[in-house]
Amino acid sequence: MGTGLTYTYLHSDISWDGIPEYVGSQNIHYLGVPLRVDWLFYHRGALTVYLSGGALLEYAVSAGMKLSGQSYSLEMNRFQASANAAAGLQVTLKNPLSLFIEPGISYYFSNGSTIETIRSENPLMFNLQAGIRFTY
């Protein structure tokens, strides 16, 4: 079982065909708390292979838009929930330090907001995480 804190930054460029007054960007900053459960189905020596599943609840701490140099705050439902699953491979270098690679899938539930993001246009997303992990 694991949890933590995540940060996500969503940026979109905005433009309407031929109307220079409507050129700008949309920026949303999320902080989230994931909750996940891992199933270790192979462990031998330094190698671990696992499956993972869980959920993530995020809150938009900042949501804004700039159009032609003017800044606007976005009125939106600031909560975003998602379900996540992954398969992973981890190699322990020296406890508590490991290297890992983890392909996964996430589904972002509709939060009823009228503000469009990549998550509302394509709620099913694939990802690949890799890096250094500290396990205690």
N, C-alpha and C. Protein backbone atom coordinates (compact mmCIF):
# COMPACT_ATOMS: atom_id res chain seq x y z
N MET A 1 0.85 -1.16 0.00
CA MET A 1 0.00 0.00 0.00
C MET A 1 0.90 1.24 0.00
N GLY A 2 0.49 2.26 -0.72
CA GLY A 2 1.29 3.46 -0.78
C GLY A 2 0.45 4.71 -0.97
N THR A 3 1.01 5.82 -0.56
CA THR A 3 0.38 7.11 -0.74
C THR A 3 1.48 8.15 -0.88
N GLY A 4 1.12 9.38 -1.06
CA GLY A 4 2.12 10.43 -1.22
C GLY A 4 1.45 11.74 -1.59
N LEU A 5 2.18 12.54 -2.34
CA LEU A 5 1.68 13.82 -2.82
C LEU A 5 2.14 13.97 -4.26
N THR A 6 1.21 14.36 -5.15
CA THR A 6 1.57 14.56 -6.56
C THR A 6 1.33 16.02 -6.95
N TYR A 7 2.07 16.45 -7.97
CA TYR A 7 1.86 17.77 -8.56
C TYR A 7 1.69 17.55 -10.06
N THR A 8 0.67 18.18 -10.64
CA THR A 8 0.43 18.10 -12.07
C THR A 8 0.19 19.50 -12.62
N TYR A 9 0.81 19.79 -13.75
CA TYR A 9 0.63 21.07 -14.42
C TYR A 9 0.04 20.80 -15.80
N LEU A 10 -1.15 21.33 -16.05
CA LEU A 10 -1.79 21.21 -17.36
C LEU A 10 -1.74 22.57 -18.05
N HIS A 11 -1.17 22.61 -19.25
CA HIS A 11 -1.06 23.84 -20.03
C HIS A 11 -1.70 23.60 -21.39
N SER A 12 -2.50 24.54 -21.84
CA SER A 12 -3.12 24.47 -23.17
C SER A 12 -2.97 25.82 -23.86
N ASP A 13 -2.65 25.79 -25.14
CA ASP A 13 -2.66 27.00 -25.95
C ASP A 13 -4.07 27.20 -26.49
N ILE A 14 -4.51 28.45 -26.53
CA ILE A 14 -5.87 28.78 -26.95
C ILE A 14 -5.79 29.68 -28.18
N SER A 15 -6.59 29.35 -29.20
CA SER A 15 -6.71 30.24 -30.36
C SER A 15 -8.02 29.94 -31.08
N TRP A 16 -8.64 30.99 -31.57
CA TRP A 16 -9.83 30.87 -32.41
C TRP A 16 -9.45 31.37 -33.78
N ASP A 17 -9.85 30.67 -34.79
CA ASP A 17 -9.46 30.97 -36.17
C ASP A 17 -9.65 32.44 -36.54
N GLY A 18 -8.52 33.09 -36.80
CA GLY A 18 -8.55 34.44 -37.34
C GLY A 18 -8.97 35.54 -36.40
N ILE A 19 -9.17 35.26 -35.12
CA ILE A 19 -9.59 36.31 -34.18
C ILE A 19 -8.43 36.56 -33.20
N PRO A 20 -7.65 37.62 -33.43
CA PRO A 20 -6.46 37.84 -32.60
C PRO A 20 -6.77 38.13 -31.14
N GLU A 21 -7.99 38.57 -30.81
CA GLU A 21 -8.33 38.84 -29.42
C GLU A 21 -8.43 37.56 -28.60
N TYR A 22 -8.56 36.43 -29.28
CA TYR A 22 -8.72 35.16 -28.57
C TYR A 22 -7.53 34.24 -28.80
N VAL A 23 -6.36 34.73 -28.46
CA VAL A 23 -5.13 33.95 -28.50
C VAL A 23 -4.54 34.00 -27.11
N GLY A 24 -4.22 32.85 -26.55
CA GLY A 24 -3.66 32.85 -25.20
C GLY A 24 -3.36 31.45 -24.72
N SER A 25 -3.48 31.26 -23.40
CA SER A 25 -3.17 29.97 -22.80
C SER A 25 -4.03 29.72 -21.57
N GLN A 26 -4.15 28.45 -21.22
CA GLN A 26 -4.86 28.02 -20.03
C GLN A 26 -3.88 27.22 -19.18
N ASN A 27 -3.82 27.50 -17.88
CA ASN A 27 -2.88 26.83 -16.98
C ASN A 27 -3.62 26.38 -15.73
N ILE A 28 -3.47 25.09 -15.40
CA ILE A 28 -4.09 24.54 -14.21
C ILE A 28 -3.02 23.77 -13.43
N HIS A 29 -2.90 24.07 -12.14
CA HIS A 29 -1.95 23.40 -11.25
C HIS A 29 -2.73 22.55 -10.25
N TYR A 30 -2.43 21.25 -10.22
CA TYR A 30 -3.10 20.33 -9.31
C TYR A 30 -2.15 19.79 -8.25
N LEU A 31 -2.64 19.64 -7.03
CA LEU A 31 -1.99 18.84 -5.99
C LEU A 31 -2.91 17.66 -5.73
N GLY A 32 -2.31 16.48 -5.59
CA GLY A 32 -3.13 15.29 -5.42
C GLY A 32 -2.59 14.34 -4.38
N VAL A 33 -3.47 13.49 -3.89
CA VAL A 33 -3.11 12.44 -2.94
C VAL A 33 -3.49 11.10 -3.56
N PRO A 34 -2.48 10.30 -3.93
CA PRO A 34 -2.77 8.98 -4.48
C PRO A 34 -2.89 7.95 -3.36
N LEU A 35 -3.66 6.93 -3.63
CA LEU A 35 -3.75 5.78 -2.73
C LEU A 35 -3.68 4.56 -3.64
N ARG A 36 -2.68 3.70 -3.39
CA ARG A 36 -2.53 2.55 -4.26
C ARG A 36 -2.15 1.31 -3.48
N VAL A 37 -2.50 0.18 -4.07
CA VAL A 37 -2.18 -1.12 -3.49
C VAL A 37 -1.33 -1.87 -4.51
N ASP A 38 -0.23 -2.46 -4.05
CA ASP A 38 0.65 -3.24 -4.92
C ASP A 38 0.53 -4.71 -4.59
N TRP A 39 0.60 -5.53 -5.64
CA TRP A 39 0.64 -6.98 -5.47
C TRP A 39 1.97 -7.46 -6.03
N LEU A 40 2.85 -7.89 -5.16
CA LEU A 40 4.17 -8.41 -5.56
C LEU A 40 3.99 -9.87 -5.95
N PHE A 41 4.07 -10.18 -7.23
CA PHE A 41 3.86 -11.57 -7.61
C PHE A 41 5.14 -12.29 -7.98
N TYR A 42 6.27 -11.58 -8.04
CA TYR A 42 7.56 -12.25 -8.23
C TYR A 42 8.62 -11.43 -7.52
N HIS A 43 9.39 -12.11 -6.68
CA HIS A 43 10.49 -11.44 -5.98
C HIS A 43 11.62 -12.45 -5.80
N ARG A 44 12.75 -12.15 -6.39
CA ARG A 44 13.92 -13.01 -6.24
C ARG A 44 15.15 -12.12 -6.24
N GLY A 45 15.89 -12.17 -5.16
CA GLY A 45 17.08 -11.34 -5.04
C GLY A 45 16.71 -9.86 -5.08
N ALA A 46 17.33 -9.14 -6.01
CA ALA A 46 17.08 -7.70 -6.12
C ALA A 46 15.92 -7.37 -7.05
N LEU A 47 15.36 -8.39 -7.75
CA LEU A 47 14.32 -8.16 -8.74
C LEU A 47 12.93 -8.36 -8.16
N THR A 48 12.04 -7.40 -8.42
CA THR A 48 10.64 -7.49 -8.02
C THR A 48 9.76 -7.12 -9.21
N VAL A 49 8.73 -7.94 -9.46
CA VAL A 49 7.74 -7.67 -10.49
C VAL A 49 6.40 -7.55 -9.78
N TYR A 50 5.62 -6.52 -10.13
CA TYR A 50 4.40 -6.26 -9.38
C TYR A 50 3.31 -5.68 -10.26
N LEU A 51 2.08 -5.76 -9.76
CA LEU A 51 0.92 -5.07 -10.32
C LEU A 51 0.45 -4.05 -9.30
N SER A 52 -0.15 -2.98 -9.77
CA SER A 52 -0.58 -1.91 -8.88
C SER A 52 -1.93 -1.38 -9.33
N GLY A 53 -2.75 -0.98 -8.38
CA GLY A 53 -4.03 -0.37 -8.69
C GLY A 53 -4.40 0.63 -7.62
N GLY A 54 -5.14 1.64 -7.99
CA GLY A 54 -5.52 2.63 -6.98
C GLY A 54 -6.30 3.79 -7.55
N ALA A 55 -6.32 4.84 -6.77
CA ALA A 55 -7.08 6.04 -7.12
C ALA A 55 -6.26 7.27 -6.77
N LEU A 56 -6.60 8.38 -7.41
CA LEU A 56 -5.94 9.65 -7.16
C LEU A 56 -7.01 10.73 -7.07
N LEU A 57 -6.96 11.52 -6.02
CA LEU A 57 -7.85 12.67 -5.88
C LEU A 57 -6.98 13.91 -5.91
N GLU A 58 -7.27 14.79 -6.89
CA GLU A 58 -6.49 16.01 -7.06
C GLU A 58 -7.36 17.24 -6.83
N TYR A 59 -6.70 18.33 -6.43
CA TYR A 59 -7.37 19.62 -6.24
C TYR A 59 -6.61 20.67 -7.02
N ALA A 60 -7.32 21.44 -7.83
CA ALA A 60 -6.70 22.51 -8.62
C ALA A 60 -6.42 23.70 -7.70
N VAL A 61 -5.16 23.88 -7.33
CA VAL A 61 -4.79 24.99 -6.44
C VAL A 61 -4.73 26.31 -7.18
N SER A 62 -4.59 26.23 -8.51
CA SER A 62 -4.56 27.44 -9.33
C SER A 62 -5.10 27.08 -10.71
N ALA A 63 -6.00 27.92 -11.22
CA ALA A 63 -6.57 27.69 -12.54
C ALA A 63 -6.79 29.05 -13.19
N GLY A 64 -6.08 29.30 -14.28
CA GLY A 64 -6.20 30.60 -14.93
C GLY A 64 -6.06 30.53 -16.43
N MET A 65 -6.41 31.66 -17.05
CA MET A 65 -6.35 31.77 -18.49
C MET A 65 -5.81 33.17 -18.83
N LYS A 66 -5.02 33.23 -19.88
CA LYS A 66 -4.56 34.52 -20.42
C LYS A 66 -5.05 34.63 -21.85
N LEU A 67 -5.75 35.73 -22.13
CA LEU A 67 -6.20 36.02 -23.49
C LEU A 67 -5.73 37.42 -23.84
N SER A 68 -4.92 37.51 -24.88
CA SER A 68 -4.40 38.80 -25.37
C SER A 68 -3.85 39.66 -24.25
N GLY A 69 -3.06 39.04 -23.38
CA GLY A 69 -2.39 39.78 -22.31
C GLY A 69 -3.21 39.98 -21.05
N GLN A 70 -4.49 39.67 -21.05
CA GLN A 70 -5.34 39.80 -19.86
C GLN A 70 -5.40 38.45 -19.13
N SER A 71 -5.29 38.48 -17.80
CA SER A 71 -5.36 37.26 -17.00
C SER A 71 -6.74 37.12 -16.37
N TYR A 72 -7.23 35.89 -16.37
CA TYR A 72 -8.54 35.57 -15.79
C TYR A 72 -8.42 34.33 -14.93
N SER A 73 -9.13 34.32 -13.81
CA SER A 73 -9.23 33.12 -12.98
C SER A 73 -10.34 32.25 -13.55
N LEU A 74 -10.12 30.94 -13.59
CA LEU A 74 -11.12 30.03 -14.12
C LEU A 74 -12.04 29.55 -13.01
N GLU A 75 -13.34 29.68 -13.23
CA GLU A 75 -14.33 29.13 -12.32
C GLU A 75 -14.61 27.70 -12.76
N MET A 76 -14.26 26.75 -11.91
CA MET A 76 -14.39 25.35 -12.27
C MET A 76 -14.51 24.49 -11.03
N ASN A 77 -14.98 23.26 -11.23
CA ASN A 77 -14.93 22.28 -10.15
C ASN A 77 -13.46 21.93 -9.96
N ARG A 78 -12.91 22.22 -8.82
CA ARG A 78 -11.47 22.07 -8.62
C ARG A 78 -11.02 20.66 -8.24
N PHE A 79 -11.97 19.74 -8.01
CA PHE A 79 -11.60 18.36 -7.68
C PHE A 79 -11.60 17.50 -8.94
N GLN A 80 -10.61 16.60 -9.03
CA GLN A 80 -10.49 15.67 -10.15
C GLN A 80 -10.13 14.31 -9.59
N ALA A 81 -10.93 13.29 -9.90
CA ALA A 81 -10.67 11.93 -9.44
C ALA A 81 -10.27 11.05 -10.61
N SER A 82 -9.40 10.07 -10.34
CA SER A 82 -9.00 9.13 -11.38
C SER A 82 -8.75 7.76 -10.76
N ALA A 83 -8.85 6.73 -11.60
CA ALA A 83 -8.50 5.36 -11.23
C ALA A 83 -7.27 4.99 -12.05
N ASN A 84 -6.36 4.22 -11.44
CA ASN A 84 -5.08 3.93 -12.07
C ASN A 84 -4.70 2.47 -11.91
N ALA A 85 -4.00 1.92 -12.89
CA ALA A 85 -3.47 0.57 -12.82
C ALA A 85 -2.11 0.56 -13.52
N ALA A 86 -1.21 -0.31 -13.06
CA ALA A 86 0.12 -0.37 -13.66
C ALA A 86 0.74 -1.74 -13.40
N ALA A 87 1.75 -2.06 -14.20
CA ALA A 87 2.60 -3.21 -13.98
C ALA A 87 4.01 -2.67 -13.85
N GLY A 88 4.79 -3.22 -12.93
CA GLY A 88 6.11 -2.64 -12.71
C GLY A 88 7.20 -3.66 -12.52
N LEU A 89 8.41 -3.20 -12.78
CA LEU A 89 9.63 -3.97 -12.59
C LEU A 89 10.56 -3.09 -11.76
N GLN A 90 11.05 -3.65 -10.65
CA GLN A 90 11.91 -2.88 -9.75
C GLN A 90 13.17 -3.68 -9.45
N VAL A 91 14.31 -2.98 -9.47
CA VAL A 91 15.59 -3.60 -9.12
C VAL A 91 16.17 -2.83 -7.95
N THR A 92 16.36 -3.52 -6.82
CA THR A 92 16.92 -2.89 -5.63
C THR A 92 18.43 -2.77 -5.79
N LEU A 93 18.93 -1.54 -5.68
CA LEU A 93 20.37 -1.30 -5.76
C LEU A 93 21.01 -1.54 -4.40
N LYS A 94 20.53 -0.82 -3.42
CA LYS A 94 20.94 -0.98 -2.03
C LYS A 94 19.82 -0.38 -1.20
N ASN A 95 19.24 -1.18 -0.34
CA ASN A 95 18.09 -0.73 0.44
C ASN A 95 18.36 0.61 1.10
N PRO A 96 17.48 1.56 0.98
CA PRO A 96 16.12 1.58 0.45
C PRO A 96 16.03 2.06 -1.00
N LEU A 97 17.13 2.05 -1.76
CA LEU A 97 17.21 2.65 -3.08
C LEU A 97 16.97 1.61 -4.18
N SER A 98 16.03 1.91 -5.10
CA SER A 98 15.71 1.01 -6.21
C SER A 98 15.53 1.81 -7.50
N LEU A 99 15.71 1.13 -8.61
CA LEU A 99 15.35 1.67 -9.92
C LEU A 99 14.07 0.97 -10.35
N PHE A 100 13.18 1.69 -11.04
CA PHE A 100 11.94 1.05 -11.47
C PHE A 100 11.50 1.57 -12.82
N ILE A 101 10.68 0.76 -13.50
CA ILE A 101 9.99 1.15 -14.72
C ILE A 101 8.57 0.62 -14.58
N GLU A 102 7.59 1.47 -14.97
CA GLU A 102 6.20 1.15 -14.67
C GLU A 102 5.26 1.69 -15.76
N PRO A 103 4.89 0.87 -16.75
CA PRO A 103 3.86 1.30 -17.69
C PRO A 103 2.50 1.20 -17.01
N GLY A 104 1.62 2.16 -17.32
CA GLY A 104 0.33 2.18 -16.64
C GLY A 104 -0.78 2.80 -17.47
N ILE A 105 -1.96 2.81 -16.88
CA ILE A 105 -3.15 3.36 -17.50
C ILE A 105 -3.93 4.13 -16.44
N SER A 106 -4.52 5.24 -16.83
CA SER A 106 -5.33 6.06 -15.91
C SER A 106 -6.63 6.43 -16.60
N TYR A 107 -7.68 6.49 -15.81
CA TYR A 107 -8.97 6.96 -16.31
C TYR A 107 -9.41 8.13 -15.44
N TYR A 108 -9.64 9.30 -16.05
CA TYR A 108 -10.05 10.51 -15.34
C TYR A 108 -11.56 10.66 -15.45
N PHE A 109 -12.24 10.62 -14.30
CA PHE A 109 -13.68 10.73 -14.26
C PHE A 109 -14.11 12.18 -14.52
N SER A 110 -15.27 12.34 -15.13
CA SER A 110 -15.80 13.68 -15.38
C SER A 110 -16.08 14.36 -14.04
N ASN A 111 -15.62 15.61 -13.93
CA ASN A 111 -15.90 16.36 -12.70
C ASN A 111 -17.01 17.40 -12.93
N GLY A 112 -17.66 17.33 -14.07
CA GLY A 112 -18.78 18.23 -14.36
C GLY A 112 -18.39 19.64 -14.73
N SER A 113 -17.10 19.91 -14.87
CA SER A 113 -16.63 21.26 -15.18
C SER A 113 -16.82 21.57 -16.66
N THR A 114 -17.09 22.83 -16.96
CA THR A 114 -17.20 23.25 -18.36
C THR A 114 -15.83 23.61 -18.95
N ILE A 115 -14.81 23.66 -18.12
CA ILE A 115 -13.45 23.95 -18.59
C ILE A 115 -12.88 22.68 -19.22
N GLU A 116 -12.49 22.77 -20.48
CA GLU A 116 -11.95 21.61 -21.18
C GLU A 116 -10.46 21.49 -20.95
N THR A 117 -10.02 20.24 -20.72
CA THR A 117 -8.60 19.91 -20.59
C THR A 117 -8.36 18.63 -21.38
N ILE A 118 -7.13 18.21 -21.46
CA ILE A 118 -6.80 16.95 -22.12
C ILE A 118 -7.51 15.79 -21.42
N ARG A 119 -7.75 15.94 -20.12
CA ARG A 119 -8.41 14.88 -19.36
C ARG A 119 -9.89 14.77 -19.67
N SER A 120 -10.54 15.87 -20.02
CA SER A 120 -11.96 15.81 -20.38
C SER A 120 -12.13 15.36 -21.84
N GLU A 121 -11.16 15.69 -22.70
CA GLU A 121 -11.23 15.30 -24.10
C GLU A 121 -10.83 13.84 -24.30
N ASN A 122 -9.84 13.37 -23.53
CA ASN A 122 -9.33 11.99 -23.62
C ASN A 122 -9.17 11.44 -22.20
N PRO A 123 -10.24 10.96 -21.59
CA PRO A 123 -10.14 10.55 -20.18
C PRO A 123 -9.29 9.29 -19.94
N LEU A 124 -9.10 8.47 -20.96
CA LEU A 124 -8.28 7.27 -20.81
C LEU A 124 -6.87 7.57 -21.31
N MET A 125 -5.88 7.46 -20.43
CA MET A 125 -4.50 7.81 -20.80
C MET A 125 -3.54 6.70 -20.40
N PHE A 126 -2.54 6.53 -21.26
CA PHE A 126 -1.47 5.58 -20.98
C PHE A 126 -0.25 6.38 -20.55
N ASN A 127 0.57 5.79 -19.66
CA ASN A 127 1.75 6.50 -19.19
C ASN A 127 2.89 5.52 -18.96
N LEU A 128 4.08 6.06 -18.84
CA LEU A 128 5.27 5.28 -18.53
C LEU A 128 6.07 6.07 -17.51
N GLN A 129 6.20 5.47 -16.33
CA GLN A 129 7.00 6.10 -15.29
C GLN A 129 8.28 5.29 -15.10
N ALA A 130 9.36 5.98 -14.84
CA ALA A 130 10.65 5.32 -14.58
C ALA A 130 11.44 6.24 -13.67
N GLY A 131 12.27 5.64 -12.84
CA GLY A 131 13.07 6.49 -11.97
C GLY A 131 13.67 5.77 -10.79
N ILE A 132 13.97 6.55 -9.79
CA ILE A 132 14.57 6.08 -8.54
C ILE A 132 13.48 6.07 -7.47
N ARG A 133 13.43 5.01 -6.71
CA ARG A 133 12.42 4.88 -5.67
C ARG A 133 13.11 4.63 -4.32
N PHE A 134 12.61 5.32 -3.30
CA PHE A 134 13.04 5.09 -1.93
C PHE A 134 11.91 4.36 -1.22
N THR A 135 12.16 3.18 -0.70
CA THR A 135 11.14 2.35 -0.07
C THR A 135 11.51 2.12 1.38
N TYR A 136 10.54 2.42 2.28
CA TYR A 136 10.76 2.19 3.71
C TYR A 136 9.68 1.32 4.26
